[in-house]
Amino acid sequence: MSDQPKRETADTCEVFCNNEAKVQKLQHRIHEMEGISRIFKVLADDTRLKIVFALTLETE
């Protein structure tokens, strides 16, 4: 047995695939996602997420 610690490897794909036609087709739509990260930051807080979830369960 070796005295060296076991090294963990990153779980990544070794194959790079770029479909230029798809990139060009969708690139102009990227701006539609602006501001979405703020929503995820707000929902990252457990209390806020529970409140939002509770609000979805009931109608007025």
Protein backbone atom coordinates (compact mmCIF):
# COMPACT_ATOMS: atom_id res chain seq x y z
CA MET A 1 0.00 0.00 0.00
CA SER A 2 1.11 3.52 -0.74
CA ASP A 3 1.48 6.16 1.98
CA GLN A 4 0.33 8.87 -0.42
CA PRO A 5 -3.25 10.13 -0.05
CA LYS A 6 -5.72 9.26 -2.75
CA ARG A 7 -6.25 12.12 -5.21
CA GLU A 8 -9.78 12.97 -6.23
CA THR A 9 -10.33 13.76 -9.87
CA ALA A 10 -12.78 16.34 -11.13
CA ASP A 11 -15.93 14.97 -12.69
CA THR A 12 -15.61 16.59 -16.09
CA CYS A 13 -16.16 15.64 -19.67
CA GLU A 14 -13.02 15.19 -21.73
CA VAL A 15 -14.78 15.87 -25.02
CA PHE A 16 -15.38 19.44 -26.19
CA CYS A 17 -18.25 19.79 -28.63
CA ASN A 18 -19.18 23.17 -30.10
CA ASN A 19 -22.05 23.46 -32.55
CA GLU A 20 -21.36 26.87 -34.08
CA ALA A 21 -24.75 27.04 -35.81
CA LYS A 22 -26.60 26.56 -32.51
CA VAL A 23 -24.37 29.05 -30.74
CA GLN A 24 -25.05 31.70 -33.38
CA LYS A 25 -28.78 30.96 -33.35
CA LEU A 26 -29.12 31.33 -29.58
CA GLN A 27 -26.49 33.94 -28.80
CA HIS A 28 -28.81 36.91 -29.35
CA ARG A 29 -31.26 35.52 -26.77
CA ILE A 30 -28.79 35.45 -23.88
CA HIS A 31 -29.89 38.93 -22.75
CA GLU A 32 -33.29 37.40 -21.83
CA MET A 33 -31.62 35.86 -18.79
CA GLU A 34 -30.44 39.16 -17.31
CA GLY A 35 -31.66 39.56 -13.75
CA ILE A 36 -32.56 35.90 -13.26
CA SER A 37 -29.56 35.31 -11.00
CA ARG A 38 -31.05 37.76 -8.48
CA ILE A 39 -34.11 35.53 -8.17
CA PHE A 40 -31.93 32.52 -7.43
CA LYS A 41 -29.92 34.49 -4.87
CA VAL A 42 -33.15 35.44 -3.07
CA LEU A 43 -34.42 31.86 -3.15
CA ALA A 44 -31.11 30.57 -1.80
CA ASP A 45 -32.20 31.77 1.65
CA ASP A 46 -34.14 28.92 3.33
CA THR A 47 -36.64 31.19 5.05
CA ARG A 48 -37.45 33.13 1.89
CA LEU A 49 -37.78 29.92 -0.09
CA LYS A 50 -40.20 28.48 2.49
CA ILE A 51 -42.32 31.63 2.31
CA VAL A 52 -42.44 31.52 -1.49
CA PHE A 53 -43.28 27.82 -1.41
CA ALA A 54 -46.08 28.38 1.11
CA LEU A 55 -47.51 31.14 -1.07
CA THR A 56 -47.68 28.77 -4.03
CA LEU A 57 -49.68 26.20 -2.07
CA GLU A 58 -52.70 28.36 -1.41
CA THR A 59 -54.86 30.75 -3.32
CA GLU A 60 -56.11 33.81 -1.54
